[in-house]
């Protein structure tokens, strides 16, 4: 089931934004009307644009559609835990999207990946539609886990790798800031 981004007016006249899963944009509009909201815009979810925003010529230069190290590590950890518990991939992706909470970008990406999985694509192929969020190494590792039947083990290892990389990156940044601070103070 595809994910759709929407902008609507609630019963108090405030603009509401969000993401809903439905078979069509028409169904999303009906869901909004059932809540008593007035739909303003409904677009299929993607990693590169926000609701109401048209495709830009230089959209590839922006950071939208990218997951930072902490977000990617968290998503991977959540997926590893849910897959290890025996939950099907599409349900695990749905749960991770719900856990994203206020982070619309993460929720939008995960729901779009889930939509691709529900269309019959493998998880690795679904992740490939979001190359700015999931690196080639990440997608290749997931593909290897799918083909070997060890997806939960692969996600655990990816989680360890991503957390270590994020920790080391922040450690190096702090060391650089500290050394620059000492140089400025000594001058």
N, C-alpha and C. Protein backbone atom coordinates (compact mmCIF):
# COMPACT_ATOMS: atom_id res chain seq x y z
N UNK A 1 0.84 -1.17 0.00
CA UNK A 1 0.00 0.00 0.00
C UNK A 1 0.89 1.24 0.00
N UNK A 2 0.73 2.13 -0.95
CA UNK A 2 1.59 3.33 -1.00
C UNK A 2 1.32 4.29 0.16
N UNK A 3 2.30 5.10 0.45
CA UNK A 3 2.18 6.13 1.47
C UNK A 3 1.92 7.47 0.77
N UNK A 4 1.08 8.28 1.35
CA UNK A 4 0.75 9.58 0.79
C UNK A 4 0.95 10.66 1.84
N UNK A 5 1.56 11.74 1.40
CA UNK A 5 1.74 12.91 2.26
C UNK A 5 0.53 13.81 2.04
N UNK A 6 0.08 14.45 3.13
CA UNK A 6 -1.07 15.32 2.98
C UNK A 6 -0.88 16.62 3.74
N UNK A 7 -1.62 17.61 3.29
CA UNK A 7 -1.80 18.89 3.99
C UNK A 7 -3.29 19.10 4.03
N UNK A 8 -3.84 19.41 5.22
CA UNK A 8 -5.28 19.61 5.33
C UNK A 8 -5.57 20.60 6.45
N UNK A 9 -6.82 21.02 6.48
CA UNK A 9 -7.29 21.90 7.55
C UNK A 9 -8.11 21.06 8.51
N UNK A 10 -7.80 21.17 9.81
CA UNK A 10 -8.59 20.42 10.78
C UNK A 10 -9.87 21.19 11.09
N UNK A 11 -10.67 20.68 12.00
CA UNK A 11 -11.96 21.31 12.32
C UNK A 11 -11.82 22.68 12.97
N UNK A 12 -10.61 23.03 13.43
CA UNK A 12 -10.36 24.36 14.00
C UNK A 12 -9.72 25.31 13.00
N UNK A 13 -9.48 24.83 11.79
CA UNK A 13 -8.90 25.68 10.75
C UNK A 13 -7.38 25.69 10.73
N UNK A 14 -6.75 24.83 11.52
CA UNK A 14 -5.29 24.75 11.54
C UNK A 14 -4.81 23.79 10.45
N UNK A 15 -3.67 24.13 9.86
CA UNK A 15 -3.09 23.28 8.83
C UNK A 15 -2.41 22.07 9.49
N UNK A 16 -2.76 20.91 9.03
CA UNK A 16 -2.18 19.66 9.52
C UNK A 16 -1.43 18.99 8.38
N UNK A 17 -0.26 18.43 8.70
CA UNK A 17 0.55 17.71 7.71
C UNK A 17 0.80 16.32 8.26
N UNK A 18 0.97 15.38 7.36
CA UNK A 18 1.27 14.04 7.82
C UNK A 18 1.39 13.06 6.67
N UNK A 19 1.46 11.79 7.03
CA UNK A 19 1.59 10.72 6.06
C UNK A 19 0.55 9.65 6.40
N UNK A 20 -0.18 9.19 5.39
CA UNK A 20 -1.15 8.12 5.55
C UNK A 20 -0.91 7.06 4.49
N UNK A 21 -1.23 5.83 4.83
CA UNK A 21 -1.15 4.76 3.85
C UNK A 21 -2.54 4.49 3.31
N UNK A 22 -2.62 4.34 1.99
CA UNK A 22 -3.90 4.07 1.34
C UNK A 22 -3.63 3.54 -0.06
N UNK A 23 -4.67 3.01 -0.69
CA UNK A 23 -4.53 2.49 -2.05
C UNK A 23 -4.43 3.61 -3.08
N UNK A 24 -5.02 4.78 -2.77
CA UNK A 24 -5.00 5.89 -3.72
C UNK A 24 -5.09 7.21 -2.98
N UNK A 25 -4.79 8.28 -3.69
CA UNK A 25 -4.91 9.61 -3.08
C UNK A 25 -6.37 9.92 -2.76
N UNK A 26 -7.26 9.37 -3.55
CA UNK A 26 -8.70 9.55 -3.32
C UNK A 26 -9.09 8.97 -1.96
N UNK A 27 -8.55 7.79 -1.64
CA UNK A 27 -8.84 7.16 -0.36
C UNK A 27 -8.29 7.99 0.80
N UNK A 28 -7.12 8.61 0.62
CA UNK A 28 -6.56 9.47 1.66
C UNK A 28 -7.47 10.67 1.88
N UNK A 29 -7.94 11.28 0.79
CA UNK A 29 -8.86 12.42 0.93
C UNK A 29 -10.11 12.02 1.70
N UNK A 30 -10.62 10.81 1.42
CA UNK A 30 -11.81 10.34 2.13
C UNK A 30 -11.52 10.11 3.61
N UNK A 31 -10.34 9.58 3.92
CA UNK A 31 -9.96 9.38 5.32
C UNK A 31 -9.90 10.72 6.06
N UNK A 32 -9.37 11.73 5.39
CA UNK A 32 -9.29 13.06 5.99
C UNK A 32 -10.69 13.65 6.19
N UNK A 33 -11.56 13.49 5.21
CA UNK A 33 -12.94 13.98 5.34
C UNK A 33 -13.68 13.27 6.47
N UNK A 34 -13.40 11.97 6.63
CA UNK A 34 -14.03 11.21 7.72
C UNK A 34 -13.64 11.75 9.09
N UNK A 35 -12.44 12.33 9.18
CA UNK A 35 -11.99 12.97 10.43
C UNK A 35 -12.60 14.36 10.61
N UNK A 36 -13.23 14.86 9.57
CA UNK A 36 -13.76 16.21 9.62
C UNK A 36 -12.76 17.25 9.14
N UNK A 37 -11.72 16.82 8.46
CA UNK A 37 -10.69 17.71 7.95
C UNK A 37 -10.95 17.99 6.47
N UNK A 38 -10.44 19.13 6.01
CA UNK A 38 -10.56 19.51 4.61
C UNK A 38 -9.21 19.28 3.93
N UNK A 39 -9.14 18.32 3.00
CA UNK A 39 -7.87 18.06 2.33
C UNK A 39 -7.45 19.23 1.43
N UNK A 40 -6.20 19.65 1.55
CA UNK A 40 -5.66 20.70 0.69
C UNK A 40 -4.79 20.09 -0.41
N UNK A 41 -3.88 19.19 -0.01
CA UNK A 41 -2.97 18.54 -0.96
C UNK A 41 -2.72 17.11 -0.52
N UNK A 42 -2.65 16.22 -1.49
CA UNK A 42 -2.31 14.82 -1.24
C UNK A 42 -1.36 14.39 -2.35
N UNK A 43 -0.14 13.99 -1.98
CA UNK A 43 0.87 13.56 -2.95
C UNK A 43 1.48 12.25 -2.48
N UNK A 44 1.91 11.43 -3.43
CA UNK A 44 2.58 10.18 -3.07
C UNK A 44 3.89 10.52 -2.36
N UNK A 45 4.17 9.78 -1.30
CA UNK A 45 5.36 10.03 -0.48
C UNK A 45 6.62 9.72 -1.27
N UNK A 46 7.63 10.57 -1.07
CA UNK A 46 8.95 10.32 -1.65
C UNK A 46 9.98 10.86 -0.70
N UNK A 47 11.21 10.49 -0.91
CA UNK A 47 12.29 10.94 -0.03
C UNK A 47 12.79 12.31 -0.38
N UNK A 48 12.43 12.85 -1.54
CA UNK A 48 13.06 14.08 -2.00
C UNK A 48 12.18 15.31 -1.96
N UNK A 49 10.91 15.18 -1.62
CA UNK A 49 10.10 16.39 -1.57
C UNK A 49 9.16 16.36 -0.38
N UNK A 50 8.70 17.51 0.01
CA UNK A 50 7.78 17.65 1.12
C UNK A 50 6.39 17.91 0.57
N UNK A 51 5.32 17.74 1.39
CA UNK A 51 3.98 17.98 0.90
C UNK A 51 3.84 19.39 0.33
N UNK A 52 3.24 19.48 -0.83
CA UNK A 52 3.01 20.78 -1.44
C UNK A 52 4.20 21.34 -2.18
N UNK A 53 5.32 20.66 -2.15
CA UNK A 53 6.52 21.16 -2.81
C UNK A 53 6.67 20.47 -4.16
N UNK A 54 6.87 21.23 -5.18
CA UNK A 54 7.05 20.67 -6.52
C UNK A 54 8.48 20.21 -6.68
N UNK A 55 8.71 19.27 -7.61
CA UNK A 55 10.06 18.79 -7.87
C UNK A 55 10.93 19.95 -8.34
N UNK A 56 12.07 20.12 -7.72
CA UNK A 56 12.98 21.19 -8.10
C UNK A 56 14.05 20.64 -9.03
N UNK A 57 14.56 21.49 -9.88
CA UNK A 57 15.59 21.07 -10.81
C UNK A 57 16.84 20.62 -10.06
N UNK A 58 17.15 21.28 -8.96
CA UNK A 58 18.36 20.95 -8.20
C UNK A 58 18.02 20.21 -6.91
N UNK A 59 16.93 19.42 -6.90
CA UNK A 59 16.53 18.70 -5.69
C UNK A 59 17.62 17.76 -5.21
N UNK A 60 18.43 17.23 -6.12
CA UNK A 60 19.49 16.31 -5.73
C UNK A 60 20.57 16.96 -4.90
N UNK A 61 20.65 18.29 -4.89
CA UNK A 61 21.69 18.98 -4.13
C UNK A 61 21.31 19.20 -2.68
N UNK A 62 20.04 18.96 -2.34
CA UNK A 62 19.59 19.21 -0.97
C UNK A 62 19.89 18.01 -0.09
N UNK A 63 19.74 18.19 1.23
CA UNK A 63 20.00 17.09 2.15
C UNK A 63 18.73 16.30 2.45
N UNK A 64 17.60 16.71 1.90
CA UNK A 64 16.37 15.97 2.14
C UNK A 64 16.50 14.57 1.56
N UNK A 65 15.85 13.62 2.19
CA UNK A 65 15.93 12.27 1.71
C UNK A 65 17.14 11.52 2.23
N UNK A 66 17.89 12.14 3.08
CA UNK A 66 19.09 11.54 3.64
C UNK A 66 18.84 11.28 5.13
N UNK A 67 19.33 10.16 5.60
CA UNK A 67 19.27 9.85 7.03
C UNK A 67 20.66 10.09 7.61
N UNK A 68 20.72 10.83 8.71
CA UNK A 68 22.03 11.02 9.33
C UNK A 68 22.43 9.74 10.06
N UNK A 69 23.65 9.69 10.55
CA UNK A 69 24.18 8.47 11.16
C UNK A 69 23.35 7.95 12.32
N UNK A 70 22.90 8.86 13.17
CA UNK A 70 22.11 8.44 14.34
C UNK A 70 20.75 7.90 13.90
N UNK A 71 20.11 8.56 12.93
CA UNK A 71 18.80 8.09 12.45
C UNK A 71 18.91 6.72 11.80
N UNK A 72 19.93 6.53 10.96
CA UNK A 72 20.12 5.25 10.28
C UNK A 72 20.43 4.14 11.28
N UNK A 73 21.24 4.44 12.28
CA UNK A 73 21.56 3.44 13.32
C UNK A 73 20.31 3.06 14.10
N UNK A 74 19.48 4.05 14.43
CA UNK A 74 18.25 3.79 15.18
C UNK A 74 17.28 2.94 14.36
N UNK A 75 17.08 3.30 13.10
CA UNK A 75 16.18 2.54 12.23
C UNK A 75 16.69 1.10 12.10
N UNK A 76 17.98 0.94 11.92
CA UNK A 76 18.57 -0.39 11.77
C UNK A 76 18.41 -1.20 13.05
N UNK A 77 18.63 -0.58 14.21
CA UNK A 77 18.48 -1.27 15.49
C UNK A 77 17.03 -1.71 15.68
N UNK A 78 16.09 -0.82 15.37
CA UNK A 78 14.67 -1.17 15.52
C UNK A 78 14.28 -2.32 14.59
N UNK A 79 14.74 -2.25 13.34
CA UNK A 79 14.45 -3.33 12.40
C UNK A 79 15.05 -4.64 12.86
N UNK A 80 16.27 -4.62 13.36
CA UNK A 80 16.94 -5.84 13.83
C UNK A 80 16.13 -6.47 14.96
N UNK A 81 15.69 -5.67 15.89
CA UNK A 81 14.93 -6.18 17.03
C UNK A 81 13.61 -6.79 16.57
N UNK A 82 12.90 -6.09 15.70
CA UNK A 82 11.59 -6.57 15.25
C UNK A 82 11.71 -7.80 14.36
N UNK A 83 12.70 -7.85 13.50
CA UNK A 83 12.89 -9.02 12.63
C UNK A 83 13.29 -10.22 13.48
N UNK A 84 14.16 -10.00 14.47
CA UNK A 84 14.59 -11.08 15.36
C UNK A 84 13.40 -11.67 16.12
N UNK A 85 12.40 -10.83 16.42
CA UNK A 85 11.23 -11.31 17.16
C UNK A 85 10.28 -12.11 16.27
N UNK A 86 10.57 -12.17 14.97
CA UNK A 86 9.74 -12.95 14.06
C UNK A 86 8.68 -12.14 13.33
N UNK A 87 8.71 -10.84 13.47
CA UNK A 87 7.73 -9.99 12.81
C UNK A 87 8.03 -9.92 11.31
N UNK A 88 7.01 -10.02 10.46
CA UNK A 88 7.23 -9.87 9.01
C UNK A 88 7.79 -8.48 8.69
N UNK A 89 8.54 -8.41 7.59
CA UNK A 89 9.23 -7.17 7.20
C UNK A 89 8.26 -5.99 7.10
N UNK A 90 7.12 -6.18 6.41
CA UNK A 90 6.21 -5.05 6.21
C UNK A 90 5.65 -4.54 7.53
N UNK A 91 5.38 -5.43 8.49
CA UNK A 91 4.91 -4.99 9.80
C UNK A 91 6.03 -4.31 10.58
N UNK A 92 7.23 -4.81 10.46
CA UNK A 92 8.37 -4.20 11.13
C UNK A 92 8.61 -2.78 10.61
N UNK A 93 8.52 -2.62 9.29
CA UNK A 93 8.70 -1.28 8.70
C UNK A 93 7.60 -0.33 9.17
N UNK A 94 6.38 -0.83 9.26
CA UNK A 94 5.27 0.00 9.73
C UNK A 94 5.50 0.44 11.18
N UNK A 95 5.97 -0.48 12.01
CA UNK A 95 6.25 -0.15 13.42
C UNK A 95 7.38 0.87 13.53
N UNK A 96 8.42 0.71 12.72
CA UNK A 96 9.54 1.66 12.74
C UNK A 96 9.06 3.04 12.30
N UNK A 97 8.19 3.09 11.29
CA UNK A 97 7.65 4.38 10.84
C UNK A 97 6.85 5.05 11.94
N UNK A 98 6.05 4.26 12.67
CA UNK A 98 5.27 4.83 13.78
C UNK A 98 6.20 5.34 14.87
N UNK A 99 7.31 4.62 15.12
CA UNK A 99 8.27 5.03 16.14
C UNK A 99 9.01 6.31 15.76
N UNK A 100 9.06 6.61 14.46
CA UNK A 100 9.74 7.83 14.02
C UNK A 100 9.09 9.06 14.61
N UNK A 101 7.80 8.95 14.94
CA UNK A 101 7.09 10.01 15.63
C UNK A 101 7.10 11.34 14.92
N UNK A 102 7.78 12.29 15.48
CA UNK A 102 7.78 13.66 14.97
C UNK A 102 8.73 13.86 13.79
N UNK A 103 9.56 12.89 13.50
CA UNK A 103 10.52 13.04 12.41
C UNK A 103 9.86 12.62 11.10
N UNK A 104 9.23 13.58 10.43
CA UNK A 104 8.47 13.31 9.21
C UNK A 104 9.33 12.71 8.10
N UNK A 105 10.57 13.15 8.01
CA UNK A 105 11.45 12.68 6.95
C UNK A 105 11.71 11.18 7.09
N UNK A 106 12.04 10.73 8.29
CA UNK A 106 12.29 9.31 8.53
C UNK A 106 11.02 8.51 8.30
N UNK A 107 9.90 9.01 8.81
CA UNK A 107 8.62 8.32 8.63
C UNK A 107 8.28 8.20 7.15
N UNK A 108 8.48 9.26 6.40
CA UNK A 108 8.16 9.26 4.96
C UNK A 108 9.02 8.24 4.21
N UNK A 109 10.30 8.19 4.52
CA UNK A 109 11.20 7.25 3.84
C UNK A 109 10.82 5.82 4.17
N UNK A 110 10.61 5.53 5.45
CA UNK A 110 10.30 4.15 5.87
C UNK A 110 8.95 3.70 5.31
N UNK A 111 7.95 4.58 5.29
CA UNK A 111 6.66 4.20 4.72
C UNK A 111 6.76 3.97 3.22
N UNK A 112 7.59 4.75 2.55
CA UNK A 112 7.77 4.55 1.11
C UNK A 112 8.49 3.23 0.84
N UNK A 113 9.47 2.88 1.68
CA UNK A 113 10.15 1.58 1.55
C UNK A 113 9.14 0.46 1.80
N UNK A 114 8.29 0.62 2.79
CA UNK A 114 7.26 -0.39 3.09
C UNK A 114 6.32 -0.55 1.91
N UNK A 115 5.95 0.54 1.29
CA UNK A 115 5.05 0.47 0.13
C UNK A 115 5.69 -0.37 -0.98
N UNK A 116 6.98 -0.19 -1.20
CA UNK A 116 7.69 -0.98 -2.23
C UNK A 116 7.72 -2.46 -1.84
N UNK A 117 7.93 -2.75 -0.57
CA UNK A 117 7.94 -4.14 -0.11
C UNK A 117 6.56 -4.77 -0.33
N UNK A 118 5.51 -4.01 -0.02
CA UNK A 118 4.15 -4.52 -0.23
C UNK A 118 3.83 -4.73 -1.70
N UNK A 119 4.51 -4.00 -2.58
CA UNK A 119 4.32 -4.19 -4.02
C UNK A 119 5.02 -5.45 -4.51
N UNK A 120 5.82 -6.10 -3.65
CA UNK A 120 6.46 -7.35 -4.02
C UNK A 120 7.97 -7.26 -4.21
N UNK A 121 8.55 -6.09 -3.99
CA UNK A 121 10.00 -5.95 -4.12
C UNK A 121 10.69 -6.47 -2.86
N UNK A 122 11.92 -6.88 -3.01
CA UNK A 122 12.71 -7.29 -1.84
C UNK A 122 13.04 -6.04 -1.02
N UNK A 123 13.46 -6.25 0.21
CA UNK A 123 13.82 -5.11 1.06
C UNK A 123 15.00 -4.35 0.46
N UNK A 124 16.01 -5.08 -0.02
CA UNK A 124 17.18 -4.42 -0.60
C UNK A 124 16.79 -3.59 -1.83
N UNK A 125 15.92 -4.13 -2.67
CA UNK A 125 15.47 -3.40 -3.86
C UNK A 125 14.65 -2.18 -3.45
N UNK A 126 13.87 -2.31 -2.41
CA UNK A 126 13.07 -1.18 -1.92
C UNK A 126 13.97 -0.08 -1.37
N UNK A 127 15.04 -0.46 -0.68
CA UNK A 127 15.98 0.52 -0.15
C UNK A 127 16.73 1.24 -1.27
N UNK A 128 16.91 0.55 -2.41
CA UNK A 128 17.65 1.13 -3.53
C UNK A 128 16.95 2.34 -4.12
N UNK A 129 15.66 2.49 -3.89
CA UNK A 129 14.94 3.66 -4.37
C UNK A 129 15.30 4.92 -3.57
N UNK A 130 16.05 4.75 -2.48
CA UNK A 130 16.45 5.86 -1.62
C UNK A 130 17.96 5.84 -1.40
N UNK A 131 18.73 6.07 -2.48
CA UNK A 131 20.19 5.94 -2.38
C UNK A 131 20.83 6.98 -1.47
N UNK A 132 20.17 8.10 -1.23
CA UNK A 132 20.75 9.11 -0.35
C UNK A 132 20.56 8.73 1.12
N UNK A 133 19.58 7.87 1.39
CA UNK A 133 19.33 7.45 2.77
C UNK A 133 20.08 6.17 3.11
N UNK A 134 20.19 5.25 2.12
CA UNK A 134 20.80 3.95 2.36
C UNK A 134 21.95 3.77 1.38
N UNK A 135 23.16 3.67 1.90
CA UNK A 135 24.36 3.57 1.05
C UNK A 135 24.38 2.26 0.27
N UNK A 136 25.26 2.20 -0.72
CA UNK A 136 25.44 0.99 -1.52
C UNK A 136 25.86 -0.17 -0.61
N UNK A 137 26.77 0.08 0.32
CA UNK A 137 27.22 -0.95 1.24
C UNK A 137 26.05 -1.47 2.09
N UNK A 138 25.22 -0.57 2.58
CA UNK A 138 24.07 -0.94 3.40
C UNK A 138 23.12 -1.83 2.60
N UNK A 139 22.79 -1.40 1.38
CA UNK A 139 21.86 -2.16 0.53
C UNK A 139 22.44 -3.52 0.15
N UNK A 140 23.74 -3.57 -0.15
CA UNK A 140 24.38 -4.84 -0.52
C UNK A 140 24.39 -5.81 0.67
N UNK A 141 24.60 -5.28 1.86
CA UNK A 141 24.60 -6.12 3.05
C UNK A 141 23.21 -6.68 3.32
N UNK A 142 22.18 -5.84 3.15
CA UNK A 142 20.80 -6.30 3.32
C UNK A 142 20.47 -7.36 2.26
N UNK A 143 20.91 -7.14 1.03
CA UNK A 143 20.67 -8.12 -0.04
C UNK A 143 21.32 -9.46 0.30
N UNK A 144 22.54 -9.41 0.83
CA UNK A 144 23.22 -10.64 1.23
C UNK A 144 22.47 -11.35 2.35
N UNK A 145 21.96 -10.58 3.29
CA UNK A 145 21.18 -11.16 4.38
C UNK A 145 19.88 -11.79 3.90
N UNK A 146 19.25 -11.15 2.92
CA UNK A 146 18.02 -11.72 2.37
C UNK A 146 18.29 -13.03 1.63
N UNK A 147 19.34 -13.03 0.83
CA UNK A 147 19.62 -14.23 0.02
C UNK A 147 20.11 -15.39 0.89
N UNK A 148 20.75 -15.11 2.01
CA UNK A 148 21.26 -16.17 2.88
C UNK A 148 20.24 -16.58 3.95
N UNK A 149 19.17 -15.81 4.09
CA UNK A 149 18.18 -16.11 5.12
C UNK A 149 18.61 -15.66 6.51
N UNK A 150 19.60 -14.80 6.59
CA UNK A 150 20.14 -14.32 7.87
C UNK A 150 19.90 -12.82 8.05
N UNK A 151 18.74 -12.35 7.67
CA UNK A 151 18.47 -10.91 7.70
C UNK A 151 18.59 -10.32 9.10
N UNK A 152 18.13 -11.05 10.13
CA UNK A 152 18.21 -10.51 11.49
C UNK A 152 19.67 -10.39 11.94
N UNK A 153 20.50 -11.37 11.60
CA UNK A 153 21.91 -11.32 11.95
C UNK A 153 22.61 -10.17 11.22
N UNK A 154 22.28 -9.99 9.95
CA UNK A 154 22.88 -8.90 9.16
C UNK A 154 22.48 -7.54 9.73
N UNK A 155 21.21 -7.39 10.13
CA UNK A 155 20.79 -6.11 10.72
C UNK A 155 21.49 -5.85 12.05
N UNK A 156 21.71 -6.92 12.84
CA UNK A 156 22.46 -6.74 14.10
C UNK A 156 23.87 -6.24 13.81
N UNK A 157 24.53 -6.84 12.82
CA UNK A 157 25.89 -6.43 12.48
C UNK A 157 25.92 -5.02 11.89
N UNK A 158 24.94 -4.70 11.06
CA UNK A 158 24.85 -3.34 10.53
C UNK A 158 24.65 -2.33 11.65
N UNK A 159 23.83 -2.69 12.61
CA UNK A 159 23.58 -1.81 13.75
C UNK A 159 24.87 -1.53 14.52
N UNK A 160 25.63 -2.59 14.81
CA UNK A 160 26.92 -2.42 15.50
C UNK A 160 27.86 -1.52 14.71
N UNK A 161 27.96 -1.77 13.42
CA UNK A 161 28.84 -0.99 12.56
C UNK A 161 28.43 0.49 12.55
N UNK A 162 27.13 0.75 12.36
CA UNK A 162 26.65 2.13 12.27
C UNK A 162 26.82 2.88 13.59
N UNK A 163 26.56 2.20 14.70
CA UNK A 163 26.72 2.85 16.00
C UNK A 163 28.19 3.17 16.28
N UNK A 164 29.06 2.23 15.93
CA UNK A 164 30.50 2.47 16.12
C UNK A 164 30.97 3.62 15.24
N UNK A 165 30.53 3.63 14.00
CA UNK A 165 30.92 4.70 13.08
C UNK A 165 30.41 6.05 13.57
N UNK A 166 29.18 6.09 14.05
CA UNK A 166 28.62 7.35 14.57
C UNK A 166 29.37 7.80 15.82
N UNK A 167 29.67 6.86 16.72
CA UNK A 167 30.40 7.20 17.95
C UNK A 167 31.79 7.73 17.62
N UNK A 168 32.50 7.03 16.73
CA UNK A 168 33.85 7.45 16.37
C UNK A 168 33.85 8.81 15.67
N UNK A 169 32.86 9.04 14.81
CA UNK A 169 32.76 10.34 14.13
C UNK A 169 32.55 11.47 15.12
N UNK A 170 31.67 11.26 16.09
CA UNK A 170 31.44 12.32 17.08
C UNK A 170 32.65 12.49 17.99
N UNK A 171 33.36 11.41 18.30
CA UNK A 171 34.57 11.47 19.11
C UNK A 171 35.65 12.29 18.39
N UNK A 172 35.83 12.04 17.11
CA UNK A 172 36.83 12.77 16.31
C UNK A 172 36.45 14.24 16.22
N UNK A 173 35.18 14.53 16.00
CA UNK A 173 34.73 15.93 15.94
C UNK A 173 35.02 16.65 17.25
N UNK A 174 34.74 16.00 18.37
CA UNK A 174 35.00 16.63 19.66
C UNK A 174 36.50 16.87 19.85
N UNK A 175 37.31 15.93 19.43
CA UNK A 175 38.76 16.09 19.56
C UNK A 175 39.24 17.26 18.70
N UNK A 176 38.69 17.39 17.51
CA UNK A 176 39.07 18.50 16.63
C UNK A 176 38.67 19.84 17.24
N UNK A 177 37.47 19.91 17.78
CA UNK A 177 37.00 21.16 18.40
C UNK A 177 37.89 21.50 19.58
N UNK A 178 38.20 20.51 20.41
CA UNK A 178 39.05 20.74 21.58
C UNK A 178 40.42 21.25 21.17
N UNK A 179 41.03 20.64 20.16
CA UNK A 179 42.36 21.07 19.74
C UNK A 179 42.33 22.48 19.15
N UNK A 180 41.28 22.80 18.38
CA UNK A 180 41.17 24.15 17.84
C UNK A 180 40.95 25.17 18.96
N UNK A 181 40.19 24.79 19.96
CA UNK A 181 39.94 25.67 21.09
C UNK A 181 41.25 25.94 21.83
N UNK A 182 42.05 24.92 22.03
CA UNK A 182 43.36 25.10 22.70
C UNK A 182 44.29 26.00 21.89
N UNK A 183 44.29 25.85 20.58
CA UNK A 183 45.15 26.68 19.73
C UNK A 183 44.72 28.15 19.84
N UNK A 184 43.42 28.39 19.81
CA UNK A 184 42.92 29.77 19.90
C UNK A 184 43.27 30.38 21.24
N UNK A 185 43.13 29.60 22.31
CA UNK A 185 43.44 30.12 23.65
C UNK A 185 44.94 30.36 23.84
N UNK A 186 45.77 29.59 23.18
CA UNK A 186 47.22 29.75 23.38
C UNK A 186 47.79 30.92 22.59
N UNK A 187 47.06 31.40 21.61
CA UNK A 187 47.58 32.51 20.79
C UNK A 187 47.43 33.82 21.48
